[in-house]
């Protein structure tokens, strides 16, 4: 029979691993989104295609 220490160790390690992977993915995608945002602001592009100064 599996003892409880092993069960909780496996659960803890897998949870920390999943969290670490998600943190890396969110950081990379967030950085990409911020780059796109800054580039679009630099160009003066707007998503709705309208100028705010009319």
C-alpha atoms as a PDB file:
ATOM      1  CA  UNK A   1       0.000   0.000   0.000  1.00  0.00           C
ATOM      2  CA  UNK A   2       1.229   3.472  -0.896  1.00  0.00           C
ATOM      3  CA  UNK A   3       1.891   5.517   2.185  1.00  0.00           C
ATOM      4  CA  UNK A   4       0.516   9.032   2.517  1.00  0.00           C
ATOM      5  CA  UNK A   5       3.900  10.748   2.420  1.00  0.00           C
ATOM      6  CA  UNK A   6       4.485   9.418  -1.087  1.00  0.00           C
ATOM      7  CA  UNK A   7       1.026  10.490  -2.255  1.00  0.00           C
ATOM      8  CA  UNK A   8       1.431  14.029  -0.914  1.00  0.00           C
ATOM      9  CA  UNK A   9       4.982  14.292  -2.256  1.00  0.00           C
ATOM     10  CA  UNK A  10       3.868  13.333  -5.752  1.00  0.00           C
ATOM     11  CA  UNK A  11       0.926  15.710  -5.546  1.00  0.00           C
ATOM     12  CA  UNK A  12       3.104  18.570  -4.310  1.00  0.00           C
ATOM     13  CA  UNK A  13       5.843  18.055  -6.905  1.00  0.00           C
ATOM     14  CA  UNK A  14       3.372  17.791  -9.777  1.00  0.00           C
ATOM     15  CA  UNK A  15       1.524  20.923  -8.590  1.00  0.00           C
ATOM     16  CA  UNK A  16       4.741  22.948  -8.368  1.00  0.00           C
ATOM     17  CA  UNK A  17       5.808  21.690 -11.802  1.00  0.00           C
ATOM     18  CA  UNK A  18       2.501  22.657 -13.400  1.00  0.00           C
ATOM     19  CA  UNK A  19       2.650  26.075 -11.734  1.00  0.00           C
ATOM     20  CA  UNK A  20       6.197  26.662 -12.990  1.00  0.00           C
ATOM     21  CA  UNK A  21       5.249  25.717 -16.558  1.00  0.00           C
ATOM     22  CA  UNK A  22       2.194  27.989 -16.476  1.00  0.00           C
ATOM     23  CA  UNK A  23       4.265  30.874 -15.084  1.00  0.00           C
ATOM     24  CA  UNK A  24       6.777  30.561 -17.931  1.00  0.00           C
ATOM     25  CA  UNK A  25       4.054  30.370 -20.592  1.00  0.00           C
ATOM     26  CA  UNK A  26       2.159  33.365 -19.192  1.00  0.00           C
ATOM     27  CA  UNK A  27       5.370  35.399 -18.935  1.00  0.00           C
ATOM     28  CA  UNK A  28       6.379  34.678 -22.527  1.00  0.00           C
ATOM     29  CA  UNK A  29       2.928  35.364 -23.976  1.00  0.00           C
ATOM     30  CA  UNK A  30       2.499  38.459 -21.822  1.00  0.00           C
ATOM     31  CA  UNK A  31       5.814  39.857 -23.019  1.00  0.00           C
ATOM     32  CA  UNK A  32       4.752  39.230 -26.614  1.00  0.00           C
ATOM     33  CA  UNK A  33       1.435  41.025 -26.035  1.00  0.00           C
ATOM     34  CA  UNK A  34       3.171  43.999 -24.434  1.00  0.00           C
ATOM     35  CA  UNK A  35       5.586  44.229 -27.389  1.00  0.00           C
ATOM     36  CA  UNK A  36       2.619  44.266 -29.784  1.00  0.00           C
ATOM     37  CA  UNK A  37       0.872  46.910 -27.693  1.00  0.00           C
ATOM     38  CA  UNK A  38       3.919  49.166 -27.633  1.00  0.00           C
ATOM     39  CA  UNK A  39       4.467  48.751 -31.380  1.00  0.00           C
ATOM     40  CA  UNK A  40       0.843  49.598 -32.134  1.00  0.00           C
ATOM     41  CA  UNK A  41       1.001  52.662 -29.876  1.00  0.00           C
ATOM     42  CA  UNK A  42       4.226  53.717 -31.565  1.00  0.00           C
ATOM     43  CA  UNK A  43       2.590  53.440 -35.002  1.00  0.00           C
ATOM     44  CA  UNK A  44      -0.569  55.154 -33.817  1.00  0.00           C
ATOM     45  CA  UNK A  45      -2.753  52.218 -34.822  1.00  0.00           C
ATOM     46  CA  UNK A  46      -6.131  51.701 -33.207  1.00  0.00           C
ATOM     47  CA  UNK A  47      -8.157  48.524 -33.302  1.00  0.00           C
ATOM     48  CA  UNK A  48     -11.418  50.244 -34.153  1.00  0.00           C
ATOM     49  CA  UNK A  49      -9.786  52.237 -36.964  1.00  0.00           C
ATOM     50  CA  UNK A  50     -10.992  55.624 -35.714  1.00  0.00           C
ATOM     51  CA  UNK A  51      -8.935  58.615 -34.657  1.00  0.00           C
ATOM     52  CA  UNK A  52      -9.568  59.991 -31.209  1.00  0.00           C
ATOM     53  CA  UNK A  53      -8.902  63.576 -32.387  1.00  0.00           C
ATOM     54  CA  UNK A  54     -11.809  64.499 -34.672  1.00  0.00           C
END
